[in-house]
Amino acid sequence: METKVKSILLVILALLFSGGLYAQFPANTTIVPPGTAATIGSSFTCTDAVGTDSYACNLSPTPASLASLAGVLVQVKAGTANTGAATFAPNGFVAKTIKKQHDQDLATGDIELNQIVSLVYNSTSDTWEMQSQVGQLSVTAPLYFTTTACTDGTATPADCAAAPAGSVIISAAASAVVVNTTAVTSSSQIFIQEDSSLGTRLSVTCNTGIVRSYAVTARTTGVSFTITSSAAPVSNPACLSYYIVN
């Protein structure tokens, strides 16, 4: 048995050195070792030095074309943080838009300076899809309890721009106030509280006869909502706080 195994090994070695094994393929066939071709499952790494949202670098080995990179992982060390929508152009190929979450444009800060950004070219959408986590999560802080919350002590309508929270009044002898704010949606939860200590903030003398109840009686999505009182305040306006939960 041992002699037979040695004989087989000798035959294989002879074929290798003589080119016999490779002769099984056509003459124009290139035998490529795994990991050296731009195929799905392979990857490239490069460093961007452009300094703008138009990221670029040279991949090695040089890919034959942009199409040959479809499905291939490319890892780019970003030379700058992005300031909005961005593109990537490896090896002088046409720049294509970088998308996150498959089809969303990048927001400012999604790519940070020196971040290793993983990209895959999608030939169907003709875009680079970002596979790595965005550099920083953008969180819009609520305007509750801040100086940017709405304060309107004038008559209806109260102009609160886009504020999801604020302080307004129902004028003396009136029973309702319209609050203009784009923060309101069709499913917003709107909470109302009367607060007679808001006089300084609203530049009025607040009504202290707190025996009323309040309800949201109307809303227009992205425009306004209406607060209605169970009874009109007498002499001085009712001072109210509202906040919206979306």
C-alpha atoms as a PDB file:
ATOM      1  CA  MET A   1       0.000   0.000   0.000  1.00  0.00           C
ATOM      2  CA  GLU A   2       2.786   2.412   0.942  1.00  0.00           C
ATOM      3  CA  THR A   3       4.543   1.737  -2.349  1.00  0.00           C
ATOM      4  CA  LYS A   4       1.321   2.439  -4.286  1.00  0.00           C
ATOM      5  CA  VAL A   5       0.768   5.781  -2.500  1.00  0.00           C
ATOM      6  CA  LYS A   6       4.315   6.866  -3.245  1.00  0.00           C
ATOM      7  CA  SER A   7       3.813   5.972  -6.912  1.00  0.00           C
ATOM      8  CA  ILE A   8       0.665   8.096  -7.123  1.00  0.00           C
ATOM      9  CA  LEU A   9       2.427  11.074  -5.481  1.00  0.00           C
ATOM     10  CA  LEU A  10       5.300  10.804  -7.928  1.00  0.00           C
ATOM     11  CA  VAL A  11       2.870  10.850 -10.869  1.00  0.00           C
ATOM     12  CA  ILE A  12       1.121  13.993  -9.506  1.00  0.00           C
ATOM     13  CA  LEU A  13       4.428  15.788  -8.981  1.00  0.00           C
ATOM     14  CA  ALA A  14       5.519  14.891 -12.484  1.00  0.00           C
ATOM     15  CA  LEU A  15       2.326  16.304 -13.928  1.00  0.00           C
ATOM     16  CA  LEU A  16       2.687  19.532 -11.934  1.00  0.00           C
ATOM     17  CA  PHE A  17       6.238  20.184 -13.051  1.00  0.00           C
ATOM     18  CA  SER A  18       5.500  19.291 -16.657  1.00  0.00           C
ATOM     19  CA  GLY A  19       2.383  21.488 -16.861  1.00  0.00           C
ATOM     20  CA  GLY A  20       0.229  18.451 -17.415  1.00  0.00           C
ATOM     21  CA  LEU A  21      -2.465  19.484 -14.933  1.00  0.00           C
ATOM     22  CA  TYR A  22      -2.780  23.018 -16.313  1.00  0.00           C
ATOM     23  CA  ALA A  23      -2.918  21.541 -19.813  1.00  0.00           C
ATOM     24  CA  GLN A  24      -6.452  20.396 -18.971  1.00  0.00           C
ATOM     25  CA  PHE A  25      -7.631  24.031 -19.418  1.00  0.00           C
ATOM     26  CA  PRO A  26      -7.826  25.956 -22.726  1.00  0.00           C
ATOM     27  CA  ALA A  27      -4.686  27.840 -23.678  1.00  0.00           C
ATOM     28  CA  ASN A  28      -6.276  31.270 -23.047  1.00  0.00           C
ATOM     29  CA  THR A  29      -7.498  30.433 -19.515  1.00  0.00           C
ATOM     30  CA  THR A  30      -5.924  32.369 -16.623  1.00  0.00           C
ATOM     31  CA  ILE A  31      -5.575  30.437 -13.384  1.00  0.00           C
ATOM     32  CA  VAL A  32      -6.166  33.002 -10.586  1.00  0.00           C
ATOM     33  CA  PRO A  33      -5.352  32.121  -6.967  1.00  0.00           C
ATOM     34  CA  PRO A  34      -8.240  32.756  -4.545  1.00  0.00           C
ATOM     35  CA  GLY A  35      -8.452  36.319  -3.162  1.00  0.00           C
ATOM     36  CA  THR A  36      -6.653  38.090  -6.033  1.00  0.00           C
ATOM     37  CA  ALA A  37      -9.617  38.693  -8.322  1.00  0.00           C
ATOM     38  CA  ALA A  38     -12.447  41.219  -7.922  1.00  0.00           C
ATOM     39  CA  THR A  39     -15.134  38.689  -7.144  1.00  0.00           C
ATOM     40  CA  ILE A  40     -17.924  38.543  -4.609  1.00  0.00           C
ATOM     41  CA  GLY A  41     -16.310  37.645  -1.321  1.00  0.00           C
ATOM     42  CA  SER A  42     -13.031  39.451  -2.045  1.00  0.00           C
ATOM     43  CA  SER A  43     -12.168  42.919  -0.743  1.00  0.00           C
ATOM     44  CA  PHE A  44      -9.965  45.965  -1.261  1.00  0.00           C
ATOM     45  CA  THR A  45      -8.576  48.573   1.125  1.00  0.00           C
ATOM     46  CA  CYS A  46      -7.426  52.087   0.279  1.00  0.00           C
ATOM     47  CA  THR A  47      -7.009  55.564   1.779  1.00  0.00           C
ATOM     48  CA  ASP A  48      -8.835  58.668   0.582  1.00  0.00           C
ATOM     49  CA  ALA A  49      -6.918  61.945   0.499  1.00  0.00           C
ATOM     50  CA  VAL A  50      -9.236  64.191  -1.528  1.00  0.00           C
ATOM     51  CA  GLY A  51     -10.475  66.224   1.436  1.00  0.00           C
ATOM     52  CA  THR A  52     -14.051  66.691   0.179  1.00  0.00           C
ATOM     53  CA  ASP A  53     -17.316  64.750  -0.062  1.00  0.00           C
ATOM     54  CA  SER A  54     -16.017  63.366  -3.378  1.00  0.00           C
ATOM     55  CA  TYR A  55     -14.079  60.449  -1.912  1.00  0.00           C
ATOM     56  CA  ALA A  56     -11.520  58.697  -4.138  1.00  0.00           C
ATOM     57  CA  CYS A  57      -8.535  56.356  -3.900  1.00  0.00           C
ATOM     58  CA  ASN A  58      -6.663  53.727  -5.898  1.00  0.00           C
ATOM     59  CA  LEU A  59      -7.380  50.059  -5.288  1.00  0.00           C
ATOM     60  CA  SER A  60      -4.658  47.444  -5.700  1.00  0.00           C
ATOM     61  CA  PRO A  61      -4.623  45.218  -7.616  1.00  0.00           C
ATOM     62  CA  THR A  62      -6.242  47.511 -10.147  1.00  0.00           C
ATOM     63  CA  PRO A  63      -9.799  46.387 -10.969  1.00  0.00           C
ATOM     64  CA  ALA A  64     -10.609  45.969 -14.647  1.00  0.00           C
ATOM     65  CA  SER A  65     -13.679  48.188 -14.498  1.00  0.00           C
ATOM     66  CA  LEU A  66     -16.298  49.582 -12.157  1.00  0.00           C
ATOM     67  CA  ALA A  67     -18.602  46.745 -13.203  1.00  0.00           C
ATOM     68  CA  SER A  68     -16.022  44.223 -12.006  1.00  0.00           C
ATOM     69  CA  LEU A  69     -16.421  45.648  -8.468  1.00  0.00           C
ATOM     70  CA  ALA A  70     -20.118  44.796  -8.218  1.00  0.00           C
ATOM     71  CA  GLY A  71     -20.691  42.986  -4.931  1.00  0.00           C
ATOM     72  CA  VAL A  72     -17.076  43.437  -3.832  1.00  0.00           C
ATOM     73  CA  LEU A  73     -16.302  44.895  -0.402  1.00  0.00           C
ATOM     74  CA  VAL A  74     -14.170  48.048  -0.542  1.00  0.00           C
ATOM     75  CA  GLN A  75     -12.874  49.531   2.704  1.00  0.00           C
ATOM     76  CA  VAL A  76     -11.931  53.194   2.494  1.00  0.00           C
ATOM     77  CA  LYS A  77     -10.143  55.201   5.181  1.00  0.00           C
ATOM     78  CA  ALA A  78     -11.885  58.577   4.956  1.00  0.00           C
ATOM     79  CA  GLY A  79      -9.624  61.611   4.571  1.00  0.00           C
ATOM     80  CA  THR A  80     -12.353  63.949   5.804  1.00  0.00           C
ATOM     81  CA  ALA A  81     -15.748  63.961   7.486  1.00  0.00           C
ATOM     82  CA  ASN A  82     -18.644  64.316   5.076  1.00  0.00           C
ATOM     83  CA  THR A  83     -20.808  67.416   5.077  1.00  0.00           C
ATOM     84  CA  GLY A  84     -23.774  65.964   3.190  1.00  0.00           C
ATOM     85  CA  ALA A  85     -24.362  63.726   0.176  1.00  0.00           C
ATOM     86  CA  ALA A  86     -21.125  62.076  -0.959  1.00  0.00           C
ATOM     87  CA  THR A  87     -19.631  60.091  -3.837  1.00  0.00           C
ATOM     88  CA  PHE A  88     -16.854  57.540  -4.278  1.00  0.00           C
ATOM     89  CA  ALA A  89     -14.642  57.097  -7.337  1.00  0.00           C
ATOM     90  CA  PRO A  90     -11.989  54.358  -7.141  1.00  0.00           C
ATOM     91  CA  ASN A  91      -9.117  54.275  -9.657  1.00  0.00           C
ATOM     92  CA  GLY A  92     -10.489  57.139 -11.734  1.00  0.00           C
ATOM     93  CA  PHE A  93     -13.800  55.416 -12.477  1.00  0.00           C
ATOM     94  CA  VAL A  94     -16.943  57.551 -12.670  1.00  0.00           C
ATOM     95  CA  ALA A  95     -17.979  58.790  -9.224  1.00  0.00           C
ATOM     96  CA  LYS A  96     -21.123  57.154  -7.848  1.00  0.00           C
ATOM     97  CA  THR A  97     -23.288  58.284  -4.943  1.00  0.00           C
ATOM     98  CA  ILE A  98     -22.762  56.680  -1.539  1.00  0.00           C
ATOM     99  CA  LYS A  99     -26.018  55.530   0.064  1.00  0.00           C
ATOM    100  CA  LYS A 100     -26.779  54.331   3.590  1.00  0.00           C
ATOM    101  CA  GLN A 101     -29.577  51.917   4.468  1.00  0.00           C
ATOM    102  CA  HIS A 102     -29.586  50.859   0.816  1.00  0.00           C
ATOM    103  CA  ASP A 103     -31.139  53.997  -0.697  1.00  0.00           C
ATOM    104  CA  GLN A 104     -30.733  56.956   1.679  1.00  0.00           C
ATOM    105  CA  ASP A 105     -28.401  59.900   1.044  1.00  0.00           C
ATOM    106  CA  LEU A 106     -25.779  60.539   3.698  1.00  0.00           C
ATOM    107  CA  ALA A 107     -26.353  63.198   6.332  1.00  0.00           C
ATOM    108  CA  THR A 108     -23.617  65.438   7.680  1.00  0.00           C
ATOM    109  CA  GLY A 109     -21.283  63.444   9.932  1.00  0.00           C
ATOM    110  CA  ASP A 110     -22.271  59.981   8.688  1.00  0.00           C
ATOM    111  CA  ILE A 111     -18.611  59.590   7.702  1.00  0.00           C
ATOM    112  CA  GLU A 112     -16.019  60.762  10.212  1.00  0.00           C
ATOM    113  CA  LEU A 113     -12.384  61.706   9.647  1.00  0.00           C
ATOM    114  CA  ASN A 114     -10.193  58.570   9.516  1.00  0.00           C
ATOM    115  CA  GLN A 115     -13.214  56.265   9.744  1.00  0.00           C
ATOM    116  CA  ILE A 116     -12.859  52.946   7.902  1.00  0.00           C
ATOM    117  CA  VAL A 117     -15.918  53.010   5.638  1.00  0.00           C
ATOM    118  CA  SER A 118     -17.112  49.732   4.132  1.00  0.00           C
ATOM    119  CA  LEU A 119     -18.701  50.109   0.697  1.00  0.00           C
ATOM    120  CA  VAL A 120     -20.173  47.697  -1.840  1.00  0.00           C
ATOM    121  CA  TYR A 121     -21.001  48.703  -5.401  1.00  0.00           C
ATOM    122  CA  ASN A 122     -24.579  47.871  -6.411  1.00  0.00           C
ATOM    123  CA  SER A 123     -24.650  47.735 -10.200  1.00  0.00           C
ATOM    124  CA  THR A 124     -28.457  47.670 -10.263  1.00  0.00           C
ATOM    125  CA  SER A 125     -28.911  50.989  -8.459  1.00  0.00           C
ATOM    126  CA  ASP A 126     -25.528  52.249  -9.731  1.00  0.00           C
ATOM    127  CA  THR A 127     -24.556  53.377  -6.233  1.00  0.00           C
ATOM    128  CA  TRP A 128     -22.095  52.525  -3.486  1.00  0.00           C
ATOM    129  CA  GLU A 129     -23.954  51.092  -0.497  1.00  0.00           C
ATOM    130  CA  MET A 130     -22.460  51.844   2.906  1.00  0.00           C
ATOM    131  CA  GLN A 131     -22.152  48.636   4.934  1.00  0.00           C
ATOM    132  CA  SER A 132     -20.495  50.080   8.031  1.00  0.00           C
ATOM    133  CA  GLN A 133     -22.239  51.966  10.803  1.00  0.00           C
ATOM    134  CA  VAL A 134     -22.609  55.695  10.297  1.00  0.00           C
ATOM    135  CA  GLY A 135     -19.975  57.748  12.076  1.00  0.00           C
ATOM    136  CA  GLN A 136     -22.389  59.354  14.487  1.00  0.00           C
ATOM    137  CA  LEU A 137     -26.078  59.043  15.153  1.00  0.00           C
ATOM    138  CA  SER A 138     -27.924  62.296  14.595  1.00  0.00           C
ATOM    139  CA  VAL A 139     -30.413  62.957  17.347  1.00  0.00           C
ATOM    140  CA  THR A 140     -32.636  66.003  17.348  1.00  0.00           C
ATOM    141  CA  ALA A 141     -33.053  67.146  20.920  1.00  0.00           C
ATOM    142  CA  PRO A 142     -36.613  68.005  21.942  1.00  0.00           C
ATOM    143  CA  LEU A 143     -37.318  71.636  22.699  1.00  0.00           C
ATOM    144  CA  TYR A 144     -38.948  70.924  26.058  1.00  0.00           C
ATOM    145  CA  PHE A 145     -37.927  73.156  28.968  1.00  0.00           C
ATOM    146  CA  THR A 146     -35.492  75.228  26.935  1.00  0.00           C
ATOM    147  CA  THR A 147     -35.339  78.853  25.884  1.00  0.00           C
ATOM    148  CA  THR A 148     -36.165  77.762  22.329  1.00  0.00           C
ATOM    149  CA  ALA A 149     -39.599  76.487  23.367  1.00  0.00           C
ATOM    150  CA  CYS A 150     -42.468  78.639  22.190  1.00  0.00           C
ATOM    151  CA  THR A 151     -43.540  81.625  24.316  1.00  0.00           C
ATOM    152  CA  ASP A 152     -46.490  83.596  22.960  1.00  0.00           C
ATOM    153  CA  GLY A 153     -48.525  85.766  25.297  1.00  0.00           C
ATOM    154  CA  THR A 154     -50.457  87.484  22.532  1.00  0.00           C
ATOM    155  CA  ALA A 155     -53.946  86.828  21.270  1.00  0.00           C
ATOM    156  CA  THR A 156     -54.883  83.862  19.083  1.00  0.00           C
ATOM    157  CA  PRO A 157     -53.343  82.421  17.039  1.00  0.00           C
ATOM    158  CA  ALA A 158     -50.189  81.713  19.036  1.00  0.00           C
ATOM    159  CA  ASP A 159     -47.248  81.535  16.649  1.00  0.00           C
ATOM    160  CA  CYS A 160     -45.025  78.653  17.758  1.00  0.00           C
ATOM    161  CA  ALA A 161     -43.254  77.874  14.485  1.00  0.00           C
ATOM    162  CA  ALA A 162     -42.101  74.221  14.813  1.00  0.00           C
ATOM    163  CA  ALA A 163     -41.943  74.027  18.625  1.00  0.00           C
ATOM    164  CA  PRO A 164     -43.288  70.793  20.151  1.00  0.00           C
ATOM    165  CA  ALA A 165     -43.621  72.538  23.535  1.00  0.00           C
ATOM    166  CA  GLY A 166     -44.379  76.022  24.758  1.00  0.00           C
ATOM    167  CA  SER A 167     -46.446  78.480  26.757  1.00  0.00           C
ATOM    168  CA  VAL A 168     -49.506  80.312  25.428  1.00  0.00           C
ATOM    169  CA  ILE A 169     -52.593  82.085  26.720  1.00  0.00           C
ATOM    170  CA  ILE A 170     -56.341  82.070  26.327  1.00  0.00           C
ATOM    171  CA  SER A 171     -57.342  85.711  26.470  1.00  0.00           C
ATOM    172  CA  ALA A 172     -59.741  86.989  29.101  1.00  0.00           C
ATOM    173  CA  ALA A 173     -63.358  86.402  28.032  1.00  0.00           C
ATOM    174  CA  ALA A 174     -62.212  84.018  25.297  1.00  0.00           C
ATOM    175  CA  SER A 175     -62.660  80.258  25.437  1.00  0.00           C
ATOM    176  CA  ALA A 176     -60.067  78.959  22.962  1.00  0.00           C
ATOM    177  CA  VAL A 177     -56.671  79.561  21.409  1.00  0.00           C
ATOM    178  CA  VAL A 178     -55.236  78.289  18.129  1.00  0.00           C
ATOM    179  CA  VAL A 179     -51.574  77.279  18.405  1.00  0.00           C
ATOM    180  CA  ASN A 180     -49.676  77.375  15.129  1.00  0.00           C
ATOM    181  CA  THR A 181     -46.878  74.765  15.101  1.00  0.00           C
ATOM    182  CA  THR A 182     -45.686  72.428  12.379  1.00  0.00           C
ATOM    183  CA  ALA A 183     -44.804  69.858  15.074  1.00  0.00           C
ATOM    184  CA  VAL A 184     -48.376  68.579  15.206  1.00  0.00           C
ATOM    185  CA  THR A 185     -49.233  65.409  13.281  1.00  0.00           C
ATOM    186  CA  SER A 186     -52.408  63.426  12.819  1.00  0.00           C
ATOM    187  CA  SER A 187     -51.334  61.049  15.598  1.00  0.00           C
ATOM    188  CA  SER A 188     -49.665  63.503  18.012  1.00  0.00           C
ATOM    189  CA  GLN A 189     -50.457  63.281  21.700  1.00  0.00           C
ATOM    190  CA  ILE A 190     -50.959  66.837  22.926  1.00  0.00           C
ATOM    191  CA  PHE A 191     -50.880  67.613  26.645  1.00  0.00           C
ATOM    192  CA  ILE A 192     -52.201  70.863  28.185  1.00  0.00           C
ATOM    193  CA  GLN A 193     -51.637  72.243  31.680  1.00  0.00           C
ATOM    194  CA  GLU A 194     -52.719  75.546  33.201  1.00  0.00           C
ATOM    195  CA  ASP A 195     -49.902  77.297  35.063  1.00  0.00           C
ATOM    196  CA  SER A 196     -50.582  80.645  36.720  1.00  0.00           C
ATOM    197  CA  SER A 197     -46.850  81.107  37.491  1.00  0.00           C
ATOM    198  CA  LEU A 198     -46.014  81.794  33.832  1.00  0.00           C
ATOM    199  CA  GLY A 199     -46.831  85.504  34.014  1.00  0.00           C
ATOM    200  CA  THR A 200     -43.222  86.701  33.779  1.00  0.00           C
ATOM    201  CA  ARG A 201     -42.450  84.333  30.919  1.00  0.00           C
ATOM    202  CA  LEU A 202     -45.542  85.400  28.989  1.00  0.00           C
ATOM    203  CA  SER A 203     -45.394  89.086  30.061  1.00  0.00           C
ATOM    204  CA  VAL A 204     -48.984  88.999  31.338  1.00  0.00           C
ATOM    205  CA  THR A 205     -50.831  88.724  34.638  1.00  0.00           C
ATOM    206  CA  CYS A 206     -52.099  85.148  34.693  1.00  0.00           C
ATOM    207  CA  ASN A 207     -55.595  84.272  35.831  1.00  0.00           C
ATOM    208  CA  THR A 208     -55.455  82.498  39.202  1.00  0.00           C
ATOM    209  CA  GLY A 209     -58.963  81.085  39.170  1.00  0.00           C
ATOM    210  CA  ILE A 210     -57.866  77.618  38.170  1.00  0.00           C
ATOM    211  CA  VAL A 211     -61.213  75.883  37.965  1.00  0.00           C
ATOM    212  CA  ARG A 212     -61.225  75.180  34.261  1.00  0.00           C
ATOM    213  CA  SER A 213     -60.509  72.078  32.213  1.00  0.00           C
ATOM    214  CA  TYR A 214     -58.988  72.037  28.738  1.00  0.00           C
ATOM    215  CA  ALA A 215     -59.270  69.906  25.635  1.00  0.00           C
ATOM    216  CA  VAL A 216     -57.727  69.770  22.171  1.00  0.00           C
ATOM    217  CA  THR A 217     -60.737  70.272  19.941  1.00  0.00           C
ATOM    218  CA  ALA A 218     -59.155  70.533  16.492  1.00  0.00           C
ATOM    219  CA  ARG A 219     -55.884  69.951  14.664  1.00  0.00           C
ATOM    220  CA  THR A 220     -54.485  70.440  11.179  1.00  0.00           C
ATOM    221  CA  THR A 221     -51.477  68.252  10.488  1.00  0.00           C
ATOM    222  CA  GLY A 222     -48.294  70.283  10.133  1.00  0.00           C
ATOM    223  CA  VAL A 223     -50.143  73.537  10.795  1.00  0.00           C
ATOM    224  CA  SER A 224     -51.923  73.991  14.142  1.00  0.00           C
ATOM    225  CA  PHE A 225     -54.121  72.686  16.943  1.00  0.00           C
ATOM    226  CA  THR A 226     -56.866  74.309  19.032  1.00  0.00           C
ATOM    227  CA  ILE A 227     -57.109  74.368  22.829  1.00  0.00           C
ATOM    228  CA  THR A 228     -60.628  74.942  24.179  1.00  0.00           C
ATOM    229  CA  SER A 229     -61.454  75.807  27.798  1.00  0.00           C
ATOM    230  CA  SER A 230     -64.508  74.626  29.715  1.00  0.00           C
ATOM    231  CA  ALA A 231     -65.059  78.280  30.744  1.00  0.00           C
ATOM    232  CA  ALA A 232     -63.660  81.624  29.627  1.00  0.00           C
ATOM    233  CA  PRO A 233     -61.202  83.220  32.082  1.00  0.00           C
ATOM    234  CA  VAL A 234     -62.387  86.460  33.657  1.00  0.00           C
ATOM    235  CA  SER A 235     -60.287  89.667  33.893  1.00  0.00           C
ATOM    236  CA  ASN A 236     -56.896  88.038  33.170  1.00  0.00           C
ATOM    237  CA  PRO A 237     -55.824  85.455  30.580  1.00  0.00           C
ATOM    238  CA  ALA A 238     -55.400  81.767  31.386  1.00  0.00           C
ATOM    239  CA  CYS A 239     -51.713  80.827  31.131  1.00  0.00           C
ATOM    240  CA  LEU A 240     -51.105  77.391  29.631  1.00  0.00           C
ATOM    241  CA  SER A 241     -48.233  75.076  28.817  1.00  0.00           C
ATOM    242  CA  TYR A 242     -48.437  72.463  26.087  1.00  0.00           C
ATOM    243  CA  TYR A 243     -46.173  69.703  24.857  1.00  0.00           C
ATOM    244  CA  ILE A 244     -46.503  67.360  21.929  1.00  0.00           C
ATOM    245  CA  VAL A 245     -45.384  63.722  21.837  1.00  0.00           C
ATOM    246  CA  ASN A 246     -44.932  62.258  18.353  1.00  0.00           C
END
